[in-house]
Amino acid sequence: MSDSEQSLKILQKFVDGFSMDVGRMRAALDDEGTSPAHKKSLVGALNYLLDRMDMFPDHYKGIGFADDAMVLRVAAAQVVGEGGGGRGLLGLAKEVSEVNELLGDLEEPVAKLVASLATRTVKGRTPEKILSDKDTRAVFDADLTRMVKAMSPEKIDTSWMGSKAVVDELRKMIRHALKKEGFLK
């Protein structure tokens, strides 16, 4: 199996488990043992999922949620690295090595972007506002539920350019988004 085929296999696994991964993050968010700082990080990652200006457009068949799935894993690894936990987060954090392998030289800038999500505004909502205002939290939760219900995992379509080109395109678009956000020169 070529490197690009292996990368595609990993991405497909991420996309296929995306709904469950969102559930794991939400469970960790609702866990009373999760610290307020870690909750902000988790909300930031979940809020990213609702951002129309993410690194890779969600409408791409199959692969559109790959960047979202990677963000969840990087955020989980950051929280676990800071002493947070929970079985769901630990499982996601363990897969960050696969994300980093996929990202290559983009690993560090993506980690910086994910760390910044704890203060990012999406749809007029910051993680702090989501955590402190029950009405804002209710709308946020409803938006996440709608997004997950609307998303159905599909096979990543490589027919339009081949597996290597699809993986290269994902990296190219992530690189472009990181430059646009100021995380990469």
C-alpha atoms as a PDB file:
ATOM      1  CA  MET A   1       0.000   0.000   0.000  1.00  0.00           C
ATOM      2  CA  SER A   2       1.391   3.402  -0.974  1.00  0.00           C
ATOM      3  CA  ASP A   3       1.761   6.254   1.516  1.00  0.00           C
ATOM      4  CA  SER A   4      -1.151   8.116  -0.062  1.00  0.00           C
ATOM      5  CA  GLU A   5      -3.369   5.015   0.068  1.00  0.00           C
ATOM      6  CA  GLN A   6      -2.467   4.548   3.746  1.00  0.00           C
ATOM      7  CA  SER A   7      -3.231   8.232   4.385  1.00  0.00           C
ATOM      8  CA  LEU A   8      -6.581   7.848   2.655  1.00  0.00           C
ATOM      9  CA  LYS A   9      -7.356   4.778   4.773  1.00  0.00           C
ATOM     10  CA  ILE A  10      -6.675   6.786   7.945  1.00  0.00           C
ATOM     11  CA  LEU A  11      -8.739   9.734   6.707  1.00  0.00           C
ATOM     12  CA  GLN A  12     -11.618   7.387   5.858  1.00  0.00           C
ATOM     13  CA  LYS A  13     -11.464   5.945   9.388  1.00  0.00           C
ATOM     14  CA  PHE A  14     -11.638   9.484  10.794  1.00  0.00           C
ATOM     15  CA  VAL A  15     -14.597  10.409   8.571  1.00  0.00           C
ATOM     16  CA  ASP A  16     -16.446   7.166   9.327  1.00  0.00           C
ATOM     17  CA  GLY A  17     -16.157   7.714  13.082  1.00  0.00           C
ATOM     18  CA  PHE A  18     -16.784  11.455  13.030  1.00  0.00           C
ATOM     19  CA  SER A  19     -20.256  11.411  14.631  1.00  0.00           C
ATOM     20  CA  MET A  20     -19.040   9.195  17.447  1.00  0.00           C
ATOM     21  CA  ASP A  21     -15.985  11.421  17.930  1.00  0.00           C
ATOM     22  CA  VAL A  22     -18.209  14.474  18.315  1.00  0.00           C
ATOM     23  CA  GLY A  23     -20.167  12.532  20.928  1.00  0.00           C
ATOM     24  CA  ARG A  24     -16.955  11.735  22.810  1.00  0.00           C
ATOM     25  CA  MET A  25     -15.975  15.399  22.870  1.00  0.00           C
ATOM     26  CA  ARG A  26     -19.436  16.421  24.033  1.00  0.00           C
ATOM     27  CA  ALA A  27     -19.357  13.809  26.805  1.00  0.00           C
ATOM     28  CA  ALA A  28     -15.993  15.134  28.004  1.00  0.00           C
ATOM     29  CA  LEU A  29     -17.416  18.651  27.898  1.00  0.00           C
ATOM     30  CA  ASP A  30     -20.326  17.608  30.100  1.00  0.00           C
ATOM     31  CA  ASP A  31     -18.109  15.669  32.520  1.00  0.00           C
ATOM     32  CA  GLU A  32     -17.929  17.501  35.857  1.00  0.00           C
ATOM     33  CA  GLY A  33     -14.319  16.351  36.192  1.00  0.00           C
ATOM     34  CA  THR A  34     -13.270  18.380  33.130  1.00  0.00           C
ATOM     35  CA  SER A  35     -11.642  21.645  34.197  1.00  0.00           C
ATOM     36  CA  PRO A  36     -13.027  24.985  32.955  1.00  0.00           C
ATOM     37  CA  ALA A  37      -9.880  25.619  30.880  1.00  0.00           C
ATOM     38  CA  HIS A  38     -10.174  22.226  29.236  1.00  0.00           C
ATOM     39  CA  LYS A  39     -13.866  22.825  28.591  1.00  0.00           C
ATOM     40  CA  LYS A  40     -12.955  26.009  26.709  1.00  0.00           C
ATOM     41  CA  SER A  41     -10.551  24.002  24.554  1.00  0.00           C
ATOM     42  CA  LEU A  42     -13.180  21.355  23.851  1.00  0.00           C
ATOM     43  CA  VAL A  43     -15.843  23.944  23.028  1.00  0.00           C
ATOM     44  CA  GLY A  44     -13.334  25.694  20.764  1.00  0.00           C
ATOM     45  CA  ALA A  45     -12.767  22.479  18.813  1.00  0.00           C
ATOM     46  CA  LEU A  46     -16.492  21.746  18.617  1.00  0.00           C
ATOM     47  CA  ASN A  47     -17.212  25.354  17.612  1.00  0.00           C
ATOM     48  CA  TYR A  48     -14.691  24.926  14.762  1.00  0.00           C
ATOM     49  CA  LEU A  49     -16.933  22.222  13.334  1.00  0.00           C
ATOM     50  CA  LEU A  50     -19.643  24.836  12.857  1.00  0.00           C
ATOM     51  CA  ASP A  51     -17.337  27.364  11.187  1.00  0.00           C
ATOM     52  CA  ARG A  52     -17.976  27.746   7.480  1.00  0.00           C
ATOM     53  CA  MET A  53     -14.423  29.001   7.040  1.00  0.00           C
ATOM     54  CA  ASP A  54     -12.656  25.819   8.111  1.00  0.00           C
ATOM     55  CA  MET A  55      -9.480  24.465   6.550  1.00  0.00           C
ATOM     56  CA  PHE A  56     -11.168  22.103   4.099  1.00  0.00           C
ATOM     57  CA  PRO A  57     -14.735  22.677   2.861  1.00  0.00           C
ATOM     58  CA  ASP A  58     -17.239  20.206   4.302  1.00  0.00           C
ATOM     59  CA  HIS A  59     -19.051  19.764   0.968  1.00  0.00           C
ATOM     60  CA  TYR A  60     -16.223  17.714  -0.604  1.00  0.00           C
ATOM     61  CA  LYS A  61     -17.551  14.179  -0.962  1.00  0.00           C
ATOM     62  CA  GLY A  62     -16.279  12.010   1.857  1.00  0.00           C
ATOM     63  CA  ILE A  63     -13.224  14.036   2.766  1.00  0.00           C
ATOM     64  CA  GLY A  64     -14.947  17.282   3.752  1.00  0.00           C
ATOM     65  CA  PHE A  65     -15.018  16.414   7.445  1.00  0.00           C
ATOM     66  CA  ALA A  66     -11.424  15.130   7.555  1.00  0.00           C
ATOM     67  CA  ASP A  67     -10.008  18.434   8.831  1.00  0.00           C
ATOM     68  CA  ASP A  68     -12.754  18.595  11.468  1.00  0.00           C
ATOM     69  CA  ALA A  69     -11.878  15.067  12.620  1.00  0.00           C
ATOM     70  CA  MET A  70      -8.206  16.025  12.807  1.00  0.00           C
ATOM     71  CA  VAL A  71      -9.009  19.133  14.876  1.00  0.00           C
ATOM     72  CA  LEU A  72     -10.933  16.976  17.366  1.00  0.00           C
ATOM     73  CA  ARG A  73      -7.916  14.678  17.781  1.00  0.00           C
ATOM     74  CA  VAL A  74      -5.418  17.511  18.161  1.00  0.00           C
ATOM     75  CA  ALA A  75      -7.660  19.240  20.734  1.00  0.00           C
ATOM     76  CA  ALA A  76      -8.103  15.980  22.647  1.00  0.00           C
ATOM     77  CA  ALA A  77      -4.331  15.440  22.664  1.00  0.00           C
ATOM     78  CA  GLN A  78      -3.761  18.973  23.935  1.00  0.00           C
ATOM     79  CA  VAL A  79      -6.265  18.512  26.772  1.00  0.00           C
ATOM     80  CA  VAL A  80      -4.854  15.092  27.692  1.00  0.00           C
ATOM     81  CA  GLY A  81      -1.321  16.537  27.521  1.00  0.00           C
ATOM     82  CA  GLU A  82      -2.388  19.142  30.078  1.00  0.00           C
ATOM     83  CA  GLY A  83      -3.713  16.481  32.454  1.00  0.00           C
ATOM     84  CA  GLY A  84      -7.316  16.257  31.257  1.00  0.00           C
ATOM     85  CA  GLY A  85      -8.849  12.920  30.575  1.00  0.00           C
ATOM     86  CA  GLY A  86     -11.811  10.744  30.103  1.00  0.00           C
ATOM     87  CA  ARG A  87     -11.925   7.542  28.106  1.00  0.00           C
ATOM     88  CA  GLY A  88     -13.304   9.197  24.958  1.00  0.00           C
ATOM     89  CA  LEU A  89     -10.663  11.909  24.951  1.00  0.00           C
ATOM     90  CA  LEU A  90      -7.873   9.421  25.575  1.00  0.00           C
ATOM     91  CA  GLY A  91      -8.959   7.389  22.561  1.00  0.00           C
ATOM     92  CA  LEU A  92      -8.982  10.448  20.305  1.00  0.00           C
ATOM     93  CA  ALA A  93      -5.675  11.677  21.707  1.00  0.00           C
ATOM     94  CA  LYS A  94      -4.027   8.352  20.897  1.00  0.00           C
ATOM     95  CA  GLU A  95      -4.814   8.931  17.228  1.00  0.00           C
ATOM     96  CA  VAL A  96      -3.040  12.285  17.080  1.00  0.00           C
ATOM     97  CA  SER A  97       0.120  10.514  15.874  1.00  0.00           C
ATOM     98  CA  GLU A  98      -1.811   9.495  12.741  1.00  0.00           C
ATOM     99  CA  VAL A  99      -2.937  13.098  12.300  1.00  0.00           C
ATOM    100  CA  ASN A 100       0.620  14.361  12.692  1.00  0.00           C
ATOM    101  CA  GLU A 101       1.856  11.832  10.158  1.00  0.00           C
ATOM    102  CA  LEU A 102      -0.765  13.060   7.697  1.00  0.00           C
ATOM    103  CA  LEU A 103       0.080  16.692   8.371  1.00  0.00           C
ATOM    104  CA  GLY A 104       3.865  16.351   8.177  1.00  0.00           C
ATOM    105  CA  ASP A 105       5.388  19.826   8.342  1.00  0.00           C
ATOM    106  CA  LEU A 106       1.939  21.294   9.095  1.00  0.00           C
ATOM    107  CA  GLU A 107       1.738  19.577  12.500  1.00  0.00           C
ATOM    108  CA  GLU A 108       2.976  22.532  14.561  1.00  0.00           C
ATOM    109  CA  PRO A 109       0.928  25.257  12.843  1.00  0.00           C
ATOM    110  CA  VAL A 110      -2.229  23.121  13.082  1.00  0.00           C
ATOM    111  CA  ALA A 111      -1.548  22.590  16.797  1.00  0.00           C
ATOM    112  CA  LYS A 112      -1.241  26.377  17.218  1.00  0.00           C
ATOM    113  CA  LEU A 113      -4.499  26.916  15.324  1.00  0.00           C
ATOM    114  CA  VAL A 114      -6.290  24.352  17.502  1.00  0.00           C
ATOM    115  CA  ALA A 115      -4.922  25.960  20.677  1.00  0.00           C
ATOM    116  CA  SER A 116      -6.283  29.317  19.495  1.00  0.00           C
ATOM    117  CA  LEU A 117      -9.804  27.945  19.050  1.00  0.00           C
ATOM    118  CA  ALA A 118     -10.509  28.380  22.770  1.00  0.00           C
ATOM    119  CA  THR A 119     -10.910  32.112  22.076  1.00  0.00           C
ATOM    120  CA  ARG A 120     -12.254  32.061  18.503  1.00  0.00           C
ATOM    121  CA  THR A 121     -15.679  33.434  17.666  1.00  0.00           C
ATOM    122  CA  VAL A 122     -17.897  31.320  15.410  1.00  0.00           C
ATOM    123  CA  LYS A 123     -21.446  32.363  14.555  1.00  0.00           C
ATOM    124  CA  GLY A 124     -21.064  35.201  17.044  1.00  0.00           C
ATOM    125  CA  ARG A 125     -20.255  32.799  19.881  1.00  0.00           C
ATOM    126  CA  THR A 126     -17.022  32.423  21.807  1.00  0.00           C
ATOM    127  CA  PRO A 127     -16.275  29.313  23.863  1.00  0.00           C
ATOM    128  CA  GLU A 128     -16.485  31.468  26.994  1.00  0.00           C
ATOM    129  CA  LYS A 129     -19.971  32.688  26.069  1.00  0.00           C
ATOM    130  CA  ILE A 130     -21.094  29.136  25.232  1.00  0.00           C
ATOM    131  CA  LEU A 131     -19.932  27.922  28.625  1.00  0.00           C
ATOM    132  CA  SER A 132     -21.293  30.832  30.640  1.00  0.00           C
ATOM    133  CA  ASP A 133     -24.695  31.420  29.050  1.00  0.00           C
ATOM    134  CA  LYS A 134     -27.244  28.589  29.102  1.00  0.00           C
ATOM    135  CA  ASP A 135     -29.215  29.957  26.118  1.00  0.00           C
ATOM    136  CA  THR A 136     -26.070  30.278  24.002  1.00  0.00           C
ATOM    137  CA  ARG A 137     -25.091  26.751  25.058  1.00  0.00           C
ATOM    138  CA  ALA A 138     -28.509  25.426  24.061  1.00  0.00           C
ATOM    139  CA  VAL A 139     -28.252  26.946  20.578  1.00  0.00           C
ATOM    140  CA  PHE A 140     -24.673  25.671  20.238  1.00  0.00           C
ATOM    141  CA  ASP A 141     -25.754  22.153  21.253  1.00  0.00           C
ATOM    142  CA  ALA A 142     -28.674  22.285  18.812  1.00  0.00           C
ATOM    143  CA  ASP A 143     -26.348  23.415  15.993  1.00  0.00           C
ATOM    144  CA  LEU A 144     -23.956  20.540  16.744  1.00  0.00           C
ATOM    145  CA  THR A 145     -26.801  18.025  16.829  1.00  0.00           C
ATOM    146  CA  ARG A 146     -28.141  19.262  13.482  1.00  0.00           C
ATOM    147  CA  MET A 147     -24.687  19.165  11.916  1.00  0.00           C
ATOM    148  CA  VAL A 148     -24.015  15.614  13.083  1.00  0.00           C
ATOM    149  CA  LYS A 149     -27.450  14.401  11.956  1.00  0.00           C
ATOM    150  CA  ALA A 150     -26.982  15.977   8.521  1.00  0.00           C
ATOM    151  CA  MET A 151     -23.554  14.410   8.097  1.00  0.00           C
ATOM    152  CA  SER A 152     -23.458  10.888   6.770  1.00  0.00           C
ATOM    153  CA  PRO A 153     -20.057   9.327   6.245  1.00  0.00           C
ATOM    154  CA  GLU A 154     -19.272   8.633   2.621  1.00  0.00           C
ATOM    155  CA  LYS A 155     -16.422   6.908   0.916  1.00  0.00           C
ATOM    156  CA  ILE A 156     -13.751   9.442   0.049  1.00  0.00           C
ATOM    157  CA  ASP A 157     -14.023   9.997  -3.674  1.00  0.00           C
ATOM    158  CA  THR A 158     -10.676   9.594  -5.421  1.00  0.00           C
ATOM    159  CA  SER A 159     -12.123   9.134  -8.912  1.00  0.00           C
ATOM    160  CA  TRP A 160     -11.661  12.781  -9.797  1.00  0.00           C
ATOM    161  CA  MET A 161      -7.916  12.880  -9.167  1.00  0.00           C
ATOM    162  CA  GLY A 162      -6.542   9.711  -7.544  1.00  0.00           C
ATOM    163  CA  SER A 163      -5.569   9.016  -3.933  1.00  0.00           C
ATOM    164  CA  LYS A 164      -2.234  10.850  -3.973  1.00  0.00           C
ATOM    165  CA  ALA A 165      -3.771  13.971  -5.489  1.00  0.00           C
ATOM    166  CA  VAL A 166      -6.667  13.939  -2.982  1.00  0.00           C
ATOM    167  CA  VAL A 167      -4.260  13.759  -0.030  1.00  0.00           C
ATOM    168  CA  ASP A 168      -2.057  16.438  -1.623  1.00  0.00           C
ATOM    169  CA  GLU A 169      -5.111  18.665  -2.173  1.00  0.00           C
ATOM    170  CA  LEU A 170      -6.121  18.276   1.480  1.00  0.00           C
ATOM    171  CA  ARG A 171      -2.645  19.315   2.608  1.00  0.00           C
ATOM    172  CA  LYS A 172      -2.582  22.197   0.116  1.00  0.00           C
ATOM    173  CA  MET A 173      -5.905  23.556   1.364  1.00  0.00           C
ATOM    174  CA  ILE A 174      -4.851  23.181   5.008  1.00  0.00           C
ATOM    175  CA  ARG A 175      -1.593  24.999   4.213  1.00  0.00           C
ATOM    176  CA  HIS A 176      -3.542  27.808   2.503  1.00  0.00           C
ATOM    177  CA  ALA A 177      -5.933  28.159   5.466  1.00  0.00           C
ATOM    178  CA  LEU A 178      -3.029  28.249   7.931  1.00  0.00           C
ATOM    179  CA  LYS A 179      -1.358  31.012   5.902  1.00  0.00           C
ATOM    180  CA  LYS A 180      -4.600  32.969   5.713  1.00  0.00           C
ATOM    181  CA  GLU A 181      -5.048  32.683   9.511  1.00  0.00           C
ATOM    182  CA  GLY A 182      -1.431  33.740  10.148  1.00  0.00           C
ATOM    183  CA  PHE A 183      -0.187  30.416  11.503  1.00  0.00           C
ATOM    184  CA  LEU A 184       2.152  29.787   8.575  1.00  0.00           C
ATOM    185  CA  LYS A 185       4.329  32.066   6.477  1.00  0.00           C
END
